[in-house]
Amino acid sequence: MPKLKTKSGVKKRFKMTATGLLKHGVAGKRHRLISHNAKYIRQNRGTSVLSDADTATVKRWAPYGLK
């Protein structure tokens, strides 16, 4: 069987935790932050864990895991 390729967008956007969960950055924090209120910016700081339904899809896109 040929090797499966990892989607290049997944490599850039997700990291795997030690327990197998997926971390991701929150969308909407790159530009136009003046139009968001301070609570939105503060609560979306850092990374969050992906939901179980989306985790199955992303793991299919990265067949050999992520660093």
Protein backbone atom coordinates (compact mmCIF):
# COMPACT_ATOMS: atom_id res chain seq x y z
CA MET A 1 0.00 0.00 0.00
CA PRO A 2 1.23 3.52 -0.68
CA LYS A 3 1.82 5.93 2.13
CA LEU A 4 -1.01 8.29 3.04
CA LYS A 5 -0.38 12.02 2.96
CA THR A 6 -1.23 14.36 5.82
CA LYS A 7 -3.24 17.42 4.83
CA SER A 8 -0.87 20.37 4.99
CA GLY A 9 -3.43 22.64 6.66
CA VAL A 10 -3.79 20.19 9.54
CA LYS A 11 -0.04 20.19 10.18
CA LYS A 12 -0.11 23.97 10.56
CA ARG A 13 -3.24 24.35 12.67
CA PHE A 14 -3.38 21.48 15.18
CA LYS A 15 -1.16 19.89 17.83
CA MET A 16 -1.73 16.61 19.66
CA THR A 17 -1.71 16.51 23.46
CA ALA A 18 -0.15 13.66 25.43
CA THR A 19 -3.58 12.09 26.00
CA GLY A 20 -4.50 12.17 22.30
CA LEU A 21 -6.68 15.28 22.29
CA LEU A 22 -6.22 17.98 19.68
CA LYS A 23 -5.34 21.58 20.52
CA HIS A 24 -6.19 24.44 18.18
CA GLY A 25 -6.01 28.17 18.12
CA VAL A 26 -9.23 30.15 18.23
CA ALA A 27 -10.45 31.66 14.96
CA GLY A 28 -10.98 35.38 14.50
CA LYS A 29 -7.94 36.70 16.36
CA ARG A 30 -5.71 37.87 13.48
CA HIS A 31 -7.03 41.27 12.46
CA ARG A 32 -10.00 43.66 12.90
CA LEU A 33 -9.81 43.23 16.67
CA ILE A 34 -11.01 46.80 17.22
CA SER A 35 -14.51 45.62 16.30
CA HIS A 36 -14.48 42.86 18.95
CA ASN A 37 -15.09 43.69 22.57
CA ALA A 38 -12.49 43.07 25.26
CA LYS A 39 -14.32 40.06 26.70
CA TYR A 40 -14.17 38.23 23.34
CA ILE A 41 -10.46 38.89 22.96
CA ARG A 42 -9.70 37.87 26.54
CA GLN A 43 -11.74 34.64 26.48
CA ASN A 44 -10.24 33.49 23.18
CA ARG A 45 -6.63 33.92 24.26
CA GLY A 46 -4.38 30.88 23.94
CA THR A 47 -5.53 27.50 22.65
CA SER A 48 -8.52 25.25 23.27
CA VAL A 49 -9.29 21.56 22.87
CA LEU A 50 -11.19 20.37 19.81
CA SER A 51 -14.59 18.69 20.28
CA ASP A 52 -14.90 14.91 19.97
CA ALA A 53 -16.91 15.07 16.74
CA ASP A 54 -14.31 17.24 15.02
CA THR A 55 -11.39 15.27 16.46
CA ALA A 56 -12.38 12.16 14.51
CA THR A 57 -12.37 14.11 11.26
CA VAL A 58 -9.03 15.80 11.88
CA LYS A 59 -7.37 12.53 12.89
CA ARG A 60 -8.48 11.06 9.57
CA TRP A 61 -6.68 13.91 7.82
CA ALA A 62 -3.47 13.12 9.77
CA PRO A 63 -3.13 9.34 9.48
CA TYR A 64 0.23 9.12 11.26
CA GLY A 65 -0.48 11.58 14.05
CA LEU A 66 0.77 15.09 14.74
CA LYS A 67 3.76 16.37 16.66
